All heavy atoms as atom14 arrays in JSON, in Angstrom:
{
  "sequence": "GAERYSTPYELFDCGFAPYFVEAIRLRYPEYSKVQLPPVKFKAERS",
  "atom14_mask": [
    [1, 1, 1, 1, 0, 0, 0, 0, 0, 0, 0, 0, 0, 0],
    [1, 1, 1, 1, 1, 0, 0, 0, 0, 0, 0, 0, 0, 0],
    [1, 1, 1, 1, 1, 1, 1, 1, 1, 0, 0, 0, 0, 0],
    [1, 1, 1, 1, 1, 1, 1, 1, 1, 1, 1, 0, 0, 0],
    [1, 1, 1, 1, 1, 1, 1, 1, 1, 1, 1, 1, 0, 0],
    [1, 1, 1, 1, 1, 1, 0, 0, 0, 0, 0, 0, 0, 0],
    [1, 1, 1, 1, 1, 1, 1, 0, 0, 0, 0, 0, 0, 0],
    [1, 1, 1, 1, 1, 1, 1, 0, 0, 0, 0, 0, 0, 0],
    [1, 1, 1, 1, 1, 1, 1, 1, 1, 1, 1, 1, 0, 0],
    [1, 1, 1, 1, 1, 1, 1, 1, 1, 0, 0, 0, 0, 0],
    [1, 1, 1, 1, 1, 1, 1, 1, 0, 0, 0, 0, 0, 0],
    [1, 1, 1, 1, 1, 1, 1, 1, 1, 1, 1, 0, 0, 0],
    [1, 1, 1, 1, 1, 1, 1, 1, 0, 0, 0, 0, 0, 0],
    [1, 1, 1, 1, 1, 1, 0, 0, 0, 0, 0, 0, 0, 0],
    [1, 1, 1, 1, 0, 0, 0, 0, 0, 0, 0, 0, 0, 0],
    [1, 1, 1, 1, 1, 1, 1, 1, 1, 1, 1, 0, 0, 0],
    [1, 1, 1, 1, 1, 0, 0, 0, 0, 0, 0, 0, 0, 0],
    [1, 1, 1, 1, 1, 1, 1, 0, 0, 0, 0, 0, 0, 0],
    [1, 1, 1, 1, 1, 1, 1, 1, 1, 1, 1, 1, 0, 0],
    [1, 1, 1, 1, 1, 1, 1, 1, 1, 1, 1, 0, 0, 0],
    [1, 1, 1, 1, 1, 1, 1, 0, 0, 0, 0, 0, 0, 0],
    [1, 1, 1, 1, 1, 1, 1, 1, 1, 0, 0, 0, 0, 0],
    [1, 1, 1, 1, 1, 0, 0, 0, 0, 0, 0, 0, 0, 0],
    [1, 1, 1, 1, 1, 1, 1, 1, 0, 0, 0, 0, 0, 0],
    [1, 1, 1, 1, 1, 1, 1, 1, 1, 1, 1, 0, 0, 0],
    [1, 1, 1, 1, 1, 1, 1, 1, 0, 0, 0, 0, 0, 0],
    [1, 1, 1, 1, 1, 1, 1, 1, 1, 1, 1, 0, 0, 0],
    [1, 1, 1, 1, 1, 1, 1, 1, 1, 1, 1, 1, 0, 0],
    [1, 1, 1, 1, 1, 1, 1, 0, 0, 0, 0, 0, 0, 0],
    [1, 1, 1, 1, 1, 1, 1, 1, 1, 0, 0, 0, 0, 0],
    [1, 1, 1, 1, 1, 1, 1, 1, 1, 1, 1, 1, 0, 0],
    [1, 1, 1, 1, 1, 1, 0, 0, 0, 0, 0, 0, 0, 0],
    [1, 1, 1, 1, 1, 1, 1, 1, 1, 0, 0, 0, 0, 0],
    [1, 1, 1, 1, 1, 1, 1, 0, 0, 0, 0, 0, 0, 0],
    [1, 1, 1, 1, 1, 1, 1, 1, 1, 0, 0, 0, 0, 0],
    [1, 1, 1, 1, 1, 1, 1, 1, 0, 0, 0, 0, 0, 0],
    [1, 1, 1, 1, 1, 1, 1, 0, 0, 0, 0, 0, 0, 0],
    [1, 1, 1, 1, 1, 1, 1, 0, 0, 0, 0, 0, 0, 0],
    [1, 1, 1, 1, 1, 1, 1, 0, 0, 0, 0, 0, 0, 0],
    [1, 1, 1, 1, 1, 1, 1, 1, 1, 0, 0, 0, 0, 0],
    [1, 1, 1, 1, 1, 1, 1, 1, 1, 1, 1, 0, 0, 0],
    [1, 1, 1, 1, 1, 1, 1, 1, 1, 0, 0, 0, 0, 0],
    [1, 1, 1, 1, 1, 0, 0, 0, 0, 0, 0, 0, 0, 0],
    [1, 1, 1, 1, 1, 1, 1, 1, 1, 0, 0, 0, 0, 0],
    [1, 1, 1, 1, 1, 1, 1, 1, 1, 1, 1, 0, 0, 0],
    [1, 1, 1, 1, 1, 1, 0, 0, 0, 0, 0, 0, 0, 0]
  ],
  "atom14_positions": [
    [[-12.01, 20.63, -3.87], [-11.78, 20.96, -5.27], [-10.47, 20.42, -5.82], [-10.23, 20.5, -7.02], [0.0, 0.0, 0.0], [0.0, 0.0, 0.0], [0.0, 0.0, 0.0], [0.0, 0.0, 0.0], [0.0, 0.0, 0.0], [0.0, 0.0, 0.0], [0.0, 0.0, 0.0], [0.0, 0.0, 0.0], [0.0, 0.0, 0.0], [0.0, 0.0, 0.0]],
    [[-9.61, 19.91, -4.95], [-8.32, 19.38, -5.39], [-8.07, 18.0, -4.78], [-6.94, 17.62, -4.52], [-7.2, 20.34, -5.02], [0.0, 0.0, 0.0], [0.0, 0.0, 0.0], [0.0, 0.0, 0.0], [0.0, 0.0, 0.0], [0.0, 0.0, 0.0], [0.0, 0.0, 0.0], [0.0, 0.0, 0.0], [0.0, 0.0, 0.0], [0.0, 0.0, 0.0]],
    [[-9.15, 17.26, -4.54], [-9.04, 15.95, -3.9], [-8.15, 14.99, -4.68], [-7.47, 14.15, -4.1], [-10.43, 15.32, -3.72], [-11.32, 16.04, -2.74], [-12.13, 17.18, -3.36], [-11.91, 17.52, -4.55], [-12.97, 17.74, -2.63], [0.0, 0.0, 0.0], [0.0, 0.0, 0.0], [0.0, 0.0, 0.0], [0.0, 0.0, 0.0], [0.0, 0.0, 0.0]],
    [[-8.1, 15.15, -5.99], [-7.31, 14.23, -6.81], [-5.82, 14.29, -6.47], [-5.08, 13.35, -6.73], [-7.53, 14.48, -8.3], [-6.85, 15.71, -8.85], [-7.09, 15.82, -10.37], [-6.23, 16.79, -10.97], [-5.06, 16.5, -11.53], [-4.64, 15.27, -11.59], [-4.32, 17.46, -12.06], [0.0, 0.0, 0.0], [0.0, 0.0, 0.0], [0.0, 0.0, 0.0]],
    [[-5.37, 15.39, -5.89], [-3.96, 15.51, -5.51], [-3.63, 14.76, -4.23], [-2.47, 14.7, -3.82], [-3.56, 16.98, -5.38], [-3.64, 17.72, -6.69], [-4.57, 18.72, -6.9], [-2.79, 17.39, -7.75], [-4.66, 19.39, -8.11], [-2.87, 18.05, -8.96], [-3.81, 19.04, -9.13], [-3.9, 19.7, -10.35], [0.0, 0.0, 0.0], [0.0, 0.0, 0.0]],
    [[-4.63, 14.2, -3.59], [-4.42, 13.42, -2.37], [-4.53, 11.93, -2.61], [-4.59, 11.15, -1.67], [-5.44, 13.85, -1.3], [-5.19, 15.18, -0.9], [0.0, 0.0, 0.0], [0.0, 0.0, 0.0], [0.0, 0.0, 0.0], [0.0, 0.0, 0.0], [0.0, 0.0, 0.0], [0.0, 0.0, 0.0], [0.0, 0.0, 0.0], [0.0, 0.0, 0.0]],
    [[-4.55, 11.51, -3.87], [-4.61, 10.08, -4.18], [-3.21, 9.48, -4.1], [-2.22, 10.19, -4.27], [-5.18, 9.85, -5.59], [-4.27, 10.41, -6.55], [-6.57, 10.46, -5.74], [0.0, 0.0, 0.0], [0.0, 0.0, 0.0], [0.0, 0.0, 0.0], [0.0, 0.0, 0.0], [0.0, 0.0, 0.0], [0.0, 0.0, 0.0], [0.0, 0.0, 0.0]],
    [[-3.11, 8.18, -3.87], [-1.78, 7.55, -3.87], [-1.03, 7.79, -5.18], [0.19, 7.98, -5.17], [-2.1, 6.06, -3.67], [-3.38, 6.06, -2.93], [-4.16, 7.25, -3.47], [0.0, 0.0, 0.0], [0.0, 0.0, 0.0], [0.0, 0.0, 0.0], [0.0, 0.0, 0.0], [0.0, 0.0, 0.0], [0.0, 0.0, 0.0], [0.0, 0.0, 0.0]],
    [[-1.75, 7.81, -6.3], [-1.11, 8.04, -7.6], [-0.33, 9.34, -7.6], [0.79, 9.42, -8.12], [-2.19, 8.05, -8.7], [-1.64, 8.28, -10.08], [-1.1, 7.23, -10.81], [-1.66, 9.55, -10.65], [-0.6, 7.44, -12.09], [-1.16, 9.76, -11.93], [-0.63, 8.7, -12.64], [-0.14, 8.92, -13.89], [0.0, 0.0, 0.0], [0.0, 0.0, 0.0]],
    [[-0.9, 10.39, -7.05], [-0.25, 11.71, -7.0], [0.76, 11.81, -5.85], [1.86, 12.32, -6.03], [-1.3, 12.81, -6.85], [-2.22, 12.96, -8.04], [-1.55, 13.52, -9.27], [-0.51, 14.19, -9.15], [-2.07, 13.27, -10.37], [0.0, 0.0, 0.0], [0.0, 0.0, 0.0], [0.0, 0.0, 0.0], [0.0, 0.0, 0.0], [0.0, 0.0, 0.0]],
    [[0.39, 11.33, -4.68], [1.24, 11.51, -3.5], [2.54, 10.71, -3.58], [3.6, 11.21, -3.21], [0.49, 11.09, -2.23], [-0.66, 11.98, -1.81], [-1.36, 11.37, -0.6], [-0.17, 13.38, -1.48], [0.0, 0.0, 0.0], [0.0, 0.0, 0.0], [0.0, 0.0, 0.0], [0.0, 0.0, 0.0], [0.0, 0.0, 0.0], [0.0, 0.0, 0.0]],
    [[2.47, 9.49, -4.05], [3.62, 8.6, -3.99], [4.55, 8.75, -5.18], [5.5, 8.0, -5.32], [3.15, 7.14, -3.85], [2.67, 6.82, -2.47], [1.47, 7.3, -2.0], [3.46, 6.05, -1.62], [1.03, 7.02, -0.72], [3.02, 5.76, -0.33], [1.8, 6.24, 0.12], [0.0, 0.0, 0.0], [0.0, 0.0, 0.0], [0.0, 0.0, 0.0]],
    [[4.33, 9.75, -6.01], [5.15, 9.99, -7.18], [6.34, 10.88, -6.84], [6.55, 11.94, -7.43], [4.29, 10.62, -8.29], [5.03, 10.71, -9.61], [6.01, 9.97, -9.8], [4.63, 11.54, -10.45], [0.0, 0.0, 0.0], [0.0, 0.0, 0.0], [0.0, 0.0, 0.0], [0.0, 0.0, 0.0], [0.0, 0.0, 0.0], [0.0, 0.0, 0.0]],
    [[7.09, 10.47, -5.81], [8.28, 11.22, -5.41], [9.19, 10.31, -4.59], [8.81, 9.2, -4.23], [7.9, 12.48, -4.62], [7.31, 12.21, -2.95], [0.0, 0.0, 0.0], [0.0, 0.0, 0.0], [0.0, 0.0, 0.0], [0.0, 0.0, 0.0], [0.0, 0.0, 0.0], [0.0, 0.0, 0.0], [0.0, 0.0, 0.0], [0.0, 0.0, 0.0]],
    [[10.36, 10.8, -4.28], [11.34, 10.01, -3.54], [10.99, 9.76, -2.09], [11.67, 8.98, -1.42], [0.0, 0.0, 0.0], [0.0, 0.0, 0.0], [0.0, 0.0, 0.0], [0.0, 0.0, 0.0], [0.0, 0.0, 0.0], [0.0, 0.0, 0.0], [0.0, 0.0, 0.0], [0.0, 0.0, 0.0], [0.0, 0.0, 0.0], [0.0, 0.0, 0.0]],
    [[9.93, 10.39, -1.61], [9.52, 10.18, -0.21], [8.63, 8.95, -0.03], [8.23, 8.64, 1.08], [8.76, 11.41, 0.31], [9.57, 12.66, 0.43], [8.94, 13.88, 0.57], [10.96, 12.66, 0.42], [9.66, 15.06, 0.7], [11.7, 13.83, 0.55], [11.04, 15.03, 0.69], [0.0, 0.0, 0.0], [0.0, 0.0, 0.0], [0.0, 0.0, 0.0]],
    [[8.29, 8.26, -1.1], [7.34, 7.16, -1.05], [7.63, 6.12, 0.05], [6.71, 5.74, 0.78], [7.22, 6.49, -2.41], [0.0, 0.0, 0.0], [0.0, 0.0, 0.0], [0.0, 0.0, 0.0], [0.0, 0.0, 0.0], [0.0, 0.0, 0.0], [0.0, 0.0, 0.0], [0.0, 0.0, 0.0], [0.0, 0.0, 0.0], [0.0, 0.0, 0.0]],
    [[8.87, 5.66, 0.23], [9.11, 4.67, 1.29], [8.78, 5.22, 2.69], [8.3, 4.49, 3.55], [10.61, 4.36, 1.19], [11.01, 4.81, -0.16], [10.09, 5.93, -0.54], [0.0, 0.0, 0.0], [0.0, 0.0, 0.0], [0.0, 0.0, 0.0], [0.0, 0.0, 0.0], [0.0, 0.0, 0.0], [0.0, 0.0, 0.0], [0.0, 0.0, 0.0]],
    [[9.0, 6.5, 2.87], [8.71, 7.13, 4.16], [7.21, 7.35, 4.33], [6.68, 7.29, 5.45], [9.49, 8.44, 4.3], [10.94, 8.24, 3.97], [11.47, 8.68, 2.76], [11.78, 7.55, 4.83], [12.78, 8.46, 2.42], [13.11, 7.32, 4.51], [13.6, 7.77, 3.31], [14.91, 7.53, 2.98], [0.0, 0.0, 0.0], [0.0, 0.0, 0.0]],
    [[6.51, 7.56, 3.24], [5.05, 7.7, 3.3], [4.42, 6.39, 3.76], [3.47, 6.38, 4.53], [4.5, 8.11, 1.94], [4.79, 9.52, 1.53], [4.45, 9.96, 0.27], [5.41, 10.42, 2.38], [4.7, 11.27, -0.13], [5.68, 11.73, 2.0], [5.32, 12.15, 0.74], [0.0, 0.0, 0.0], [0.0, 0.0, 0.0], [0.0, 0.0, 0.0]],
    [[4.95, 5.26, 3.28], [4.45, 3.96, 3.72], [4.67, 3.8, 5.22], [3.8, 3.33, 5.95], [5.11, 2.82, 2.92], [4.74, 1.46, 3.5], [4.75, 2.91, 1.45], [0.0, 0.0, 0.0], [0.0, 0.0, 0.0], [0.0, 0.0, 0.0], [0.0, 0.0, 0.0], [0.0, 0.0, 0.0], [0.0, 0.0, 0.0], [0.0, 0.0, 0.0]],
    [[5.82, 4.22, 5.7], [6.11, 4.16, 7.14], [5.15, 5.04, 7.93], [4.69, 4.67, 9.0], [7.56, 4.58, 7.39], [8.0, 4.48, 8.84], [8.21, 3.06, 9.33], [8.01, 2.1, 8.56], [8.58, 2.9, 10.5], [0.0, 0.0, 0.0], [0.0, 0.0, 0.0], [0.0, 0.0, 0.0], [0.0, 0.0, 0.0], [0.0, 0.0, 0.0]],
    [[4.81, 6.21, 7.4], [3.86, 7.1, 8.07], [2.49, 6.45, 8.19], [1.82, 6.56, 9.23], [3.75, 8.43, 7.31], [0.0, 0.0, 0.0], [0.0, 0.0, 0.0], [0.0, 0.0, 0.0], [0.0, 0.0, 0.0], [0.0, 0.0, 0.0], [0.0, 0.0, 0.0], [0.0, 0.0, 0.0], [0.0, 0.0, 0.0], [0.0, 0.0, 0.0]],
    [[2.07, 5.77, 7.15], [0.78, 5.07, 7.19], [0.83, 3.96, 8.24], [-0.13, 3.76, 9.0], [0.42, 4.52, 5.8], [0.16, 5.69, 4.84], [-0.77, 3.58, 5.85], [0.1, 5.31, 3.38], [0.0, 0.0, 0.0], [0.0, 0.0, 0.0], [0.0, 0.0, 0.0], [0.0, 0.0, 0.0], [0.0, 0.0, 0.0], [0.0, 0.0, 0.0]],
    [[1.94, 3.27, 8.32], [2.12, 2.22, 9.33], [2.04, 2.8, 10.74], [1.44, 2.2, 11.64], [3.46, 1.52, 9.1], [3.63, 0.22, 9.86], [4.98, -0.42, 9.57], [6.08, 0.32, 10.15], [6.4, 0.28, 11.45], [5.7, -0.44, 12.28], [7.42, 0.97, 11.9], [0.0, 0.0, 0.0], [0.0, 0.0, 0.0], [0.0, 0.0, 0.0]],
    [[2.61, 3.99, 10.94], [2.56, 4.64, 12.25], [1.13, 5.05, 12.63], [0.73, 4.97, 13.78], [3.45, 5.88, 12.27], [4.94, 5.63, 12.26], [5.69, 6.93, 12.05], [5.38, 4.96, 13.55], [0.0, 0.0, 0.0], [0.0, 0.0, 0.0], [0.0, 0.0, 0.0], [0.0, 0.0, 0.0], [0.0, 0.0, 0.0], [0.0, 0.0, 0.0]],
    [[0.38, 5.5, 11.64], [-0.99, 5.95, 11.89], [-1.94, 4.79, 12.14], [-2.87, 4.88, 12.91], [-1.47, 6.81, 10.7], [-2.91, 7.23, 10.74], [-3.23, 8.07, 11.96], [-4.64, 8.38, 11.99], [-5.58, 7.59, 12.49], [-5.27, 6.43, 13.02], [-6.84, 7.97, 12.46], [0.0, 0.0, 0.0], [0.0, 0.0, 0.0], [0.0, 0.0, 0.0]],
    [[-1.69, 3.68, 11.46], [-2.56, 2.52, 11.56], [-1.79, 1.27, 11.99], [-1.72, 0.28, 11.26], [-3.26, 2.25, 10.22], [-4.1, 3.41, 9.76], [-3.64, 4.25, 8.76], [-5.33, 3.67, 10.33], [-4.41, 5.33, 8.33], [-6.1, 4.75, 9.93], [-5.63, 5.57, 8.92], [-6.38, 6.63, 8.51], [0.0, 0.0, 0.0], [0.0, 0.0, 0.0]],
    [[-1.2, 1.27, 13.17], [-0.37, 0.12, 13.59], [-1.17, -1.17, 13.72], [-0.63, -2.25, 13.5], [0.21, 0.57, 14.93], [-0.75, 1.58, 15.45], [-1.28, 2.28, 14.22], [0.0, 0.0, 0.0], [0.0, 0.0, 0.0], [0.0, 0.0, 0.0], [0.0, 0.0, 0.0], [0.0, 0.0, 0.0], [0.0, 0.0, 0.0], [0.0, 0.0, 0.0]],
    [[-2.43, -1.04, 14.04], [-3.25, -2.25, 14.22], [-3.42, -3.02, 12.92], [-3.61, -4.24, 12.93], [-4.62, -1.9, 14.82], [-5.5, -1.03, 13.94], [-5.26, 0.48, 14.05], [-4.21, 0.9, 14.57], [-6.13, 1.24, 13.6], [0.0, 0.0, 0.0], [0.0, 0.0, 0.0], [0.0, 0.0, 0.0], [0.0, 0.0, 0.0], [0.0, 0.0, 0.0]],
    [[-3.31, -2.36, 11.79], [-3.45, -3.03, 10.5], [-2.11, -3.48, 9.93], [-2.08, -4.36, 9.08], [-4.15, -2.12, 9.49], [-5.53, -1.72, 9.95], [-5.82, -0.4, 10.23], [-6.52, -2.67, 10.13], [-7.08, -0.03, 10.67], [-7.78, -2.31, 10.58], [-8.06, -0.99, 10.84], [-9.3, -0.63, 11.28], [0.0, 0.0, 0.0], [0.0, 0.0, 0.0]],
    [[-1.05, -2.9, 10.38], [0.26, -3.26, 9.82], [0.8, -4.54, 10.44], [1.79, -5.08, 9.95], [1.25, -2.11, 10.01], [1.48, -1.89, 11.38], [0.0, 0.0, 0.0], [0.0, 0.0, 0.0], [0.0, 0.0, 0.0], [0.0, 0.0, 0.0], [0.0, 0.0, 0.0], [0.0, 0.0, 0.0], [0.0, 0.0, 0.0], [0.0, 0.0, 0.0]],
    [[0.17, -5.05, 11.46], [0.61, -6.3, 12.1], [0.09, -7.53, 11.38], [0.58, -8.61, 11.58], [0.15, -6.32, 13.56], [0.79, -5.28, 14.42], [0.22, -5.33, 15.81], [0.74, -4.16, 16.64], [0.12, -4.11, 17.96], [0.0, 0.0, 0.0], [0.0, 0.0, 0.0], [0.0, 0.0, 0.0], [0.0, 0.0, 0.0], [0.0, 0.0, 0.0]],
    [[-0.92, -7.35, 10.58], [-1.55, -8.48, 9.91], [-0.64, -9.02, 8.81], [-0.16, -8.28, 7.98], [-2.91, -8.03, 9.29], [-3.53, -9.17, 8.5], [-3.84, -7.55, 10.37], [0.0, 0.0, 0.0], [0.0, 0.0, 0.0], [0.0, 0.0, 0.0], [0.0, 0.0, 0.0], [0.0, 0.0, 0.0], [0.0, 0.0, 0.0], [0.0, 0.0, 0.0]],
    [[-0.42, -10.29, 8.86], [0.36, -10.96, 7.83], [-0.59, -11.79, 6.99], [-1.22, -12.72, 7.49], [1.43, -11.87, 8.45], [2.5, -11.12, 9.21], [3.38, -10.32, 8.26], [3.63, -10.73, 7.15], [3.83, -9.18, 8.71], [0.0, 0.0, 0.0], [0.0, 0.0, 0.0], [0.0, 0.0, 0.0], [0.0, 0.0, 0.0], [0.0, 0.0, 0.0]],
    [[-0.72, -11.46, 5.74], [-1.6, -12.2, 4.85], [-0.9, -13.47, 4.39], [0.31, -13.46, 4.14], [-1.98, -11.35, 3.65], [-2.75, -10.07, 3.97], [-2.96, -9.27, 2.69], [-4.08, -10.39, 4.62], [0.0, 0.0, 0.0], [0.0, 0.0, 0.0], [0.0, 0.0, 0.0], [0.0, 0.0, 0.0], [0.0, 0.0, 0.0], [0.0, 0.0, 0.0]],
    [[-1.66, -14.56, 4.29], [-1.03, -15.8, 3.81], [-0.64, -15.65, 2.34], [-1.25, -14.89, 1.61], [-2.14, -16.85, 3.99], [-3.41, -16.07, 3.99], [-3.07, -14.7, 4.55], [0.0, 0.0, 0.0], [0.0, 0.0, 0.0], [0.0, 0.0, 0.0], [0.0, 0.0, 0.0], [0.0, 0.0, 0.0], [0.0, 0.0, 0.0], [0.0, 0.0, 0.0]],
    [[0.38, -16.38, 1.93], [0.78, -16.3, 0.52], [-0.34, -16.82, -0.39], [-1.08, -17.72, -0.02], [2.03, -17.17, 0.43], [2.02, -18.01, 1.65], [1.19, -17.31, 2.68], [0.0, 0.0, 0.0], [0.0, 0.0, 0.0], [0.0, 0.0, 0.0], [0.0, 0.0, 0.0], [0.0, 0.0, 0.0], [0.0, 0.0, 0.0], [0.0, 0.0, 0.0]],
    [[-0.43, -16.26, -1.56], [-1.43, -16.68, -2.54], [-0.86, -17.85, -3.33], [0.26, -17.78, -3.83], [-1.78, -15.51, -3.48], [-2.76, -15.96, -4.55], [-2.34, -14.35, -2.68], [0.0, 0.0, 0.0], [0.0, 0.0, 0.0], [0.0, 0.0, 0.0], [0.0, 0.0, 0.0], [0.0, 0.0, 0.0], [0.0, 0.0, 0.0], [0.0, 0.0, 0.0]],
    [[-1.65, -18.9, -3.41], [-1.23, -20.07, -4.19], [-2.08, -20.11, -5.45], [-3.3, -20.11, -5.38], [-1.42, -21.35, -3.38], [-0.52, -21.43, -2.17], [-0.71, -22.71, -1.42], [0.17, -22.72, -0.19], [-0.03, -23.94, 0.61], [0.0, 0.0, 0.0], [0.0, 0.0, 0.0], [0.0, 0.0, 0.0], [0.0, 0.0, 0.0], [0.0, 0.0, 0.0]],
    [[-1.42, -20.12, -6.57], [-2.12, -20.17, -7.85], [-2.19, -21.61, -8.33], [-1.21, -22.37, -8.22], [-1.4, -19.31, -8.89], [-1.42, -17.85, -8.56], [-0.33, -17.23, -7.96], [-2.55, -17.08, -8.83], [-0.36, -15.88, -7.65], [-2.58, -15.74, -8.53], [-1.49, -15.14, -7.93], [0.0, 0.0, 0.0], [0.0, 0.0, 0.0], [0.0, 0.0, 0.0]],
    [[-3.34, -21.96, -8.84], [-3.49, -23.27, -9.43], [-2.92, -23.23, -10.84], [-3.04, -22.24, -11.53], [-4.96, -23.66, -9.49], [-5.58, -23.87, -8.14], [-7.02, -24.29, -8.27], [-7.64, -24.46, -6.9], [-9.06, -24.85, -6.99], [0.0, 0.0, 0.0], [0.0, 0.0, 0.0], [0.0, 0.0, 0.0], [0.0, 0.0, 0.0], [0.0, 0.0, 0.0]],
    [[-2.32, -24.31, -11.22], [-1.78, -24.37, -12.58], [-2.94, -24.36, -13.58], [-4.01, -24.92, -13.31], [-0.97, -25.66, -12.76], [0.0, 0.0, 0.0], [0.0, 0.0, 0.0], [0.0, 0.0, 0.0], [0.0, 0.0, 0.0], [0.0, 0.0, 0.0], [0.0, 0.0, 0.0], [0.0, 0.0, 0.0], [0.0, 0.0, 0.0], [0.0, 0.0, 0.0]],
    [[-2.74, -23.66, -14.68], [-3.79, -23.6, -15.71], [-3.97, -24.98, -16.32], [-3.01, -25.73, -16.49], [-3.4, -22.61, -16.8], [-3.71, -21.19, -16.45], [-3.57, -20.29, -17.66], [-4.01, -20.69, -18.77], [-3.02, -19.21, -17.49], [0.0, 0.0, 0.0], [0.0, 0.0, 0.0], [0.0, 0.0, 0.0], [0.0, 0.0, 0.0], [0.0, 0.0, 0.0]],
    [[-5.21, -25.29, -16.59], [-5.5, -26.56, -17.23], [-5.25, -26.44, -18.74], [-5.57, -25.43, -19.35], [-6.95, -26.94, -16.99], [-7.25, -27.2, -15.56], [-8.68, -27.64, -15.42], [-9.03, -27.63, -14.0], [-10.13, -28.11, -13.53], [-11.02, -28.62, -14.34], [-10.37, -28.08, -12.25], [0.0, 0.0, 0.0], [0.0, 0.0, 0.0], [0.0, 0.0, 0.0]],
    [[-4.72, -27.46, -19.3], [-4.52, -27.44, -20.75], [-5.82, -27.87, -21.41], [-6.58, -28.66, -20.87], [-3.38, -28.36, -21.15], [-3.64, -29.66, -20.72], [0.0, 0.0, 0.0], [0.0, 0.0, 0.0], [0.0, 0.0, 0.0], [0.0, 0.0, 0.0], [0.0, 0.0, 0.0], [0.0, 0.0, 0.0], [0.0, 0.0, 0.0], [0.0, 0.0, 0.0]]
  ]
}
């Protein structure tokens, strides 16, 4: 009945946000090792 209070929008709206990210990293270490390649944008055509 209060699931909306568990969304990132609600949870991360405080000074603990950097530590919350670290907690997620601790829980899911297998996913925090992945390094995504940088995104290259194509220049817009005129």
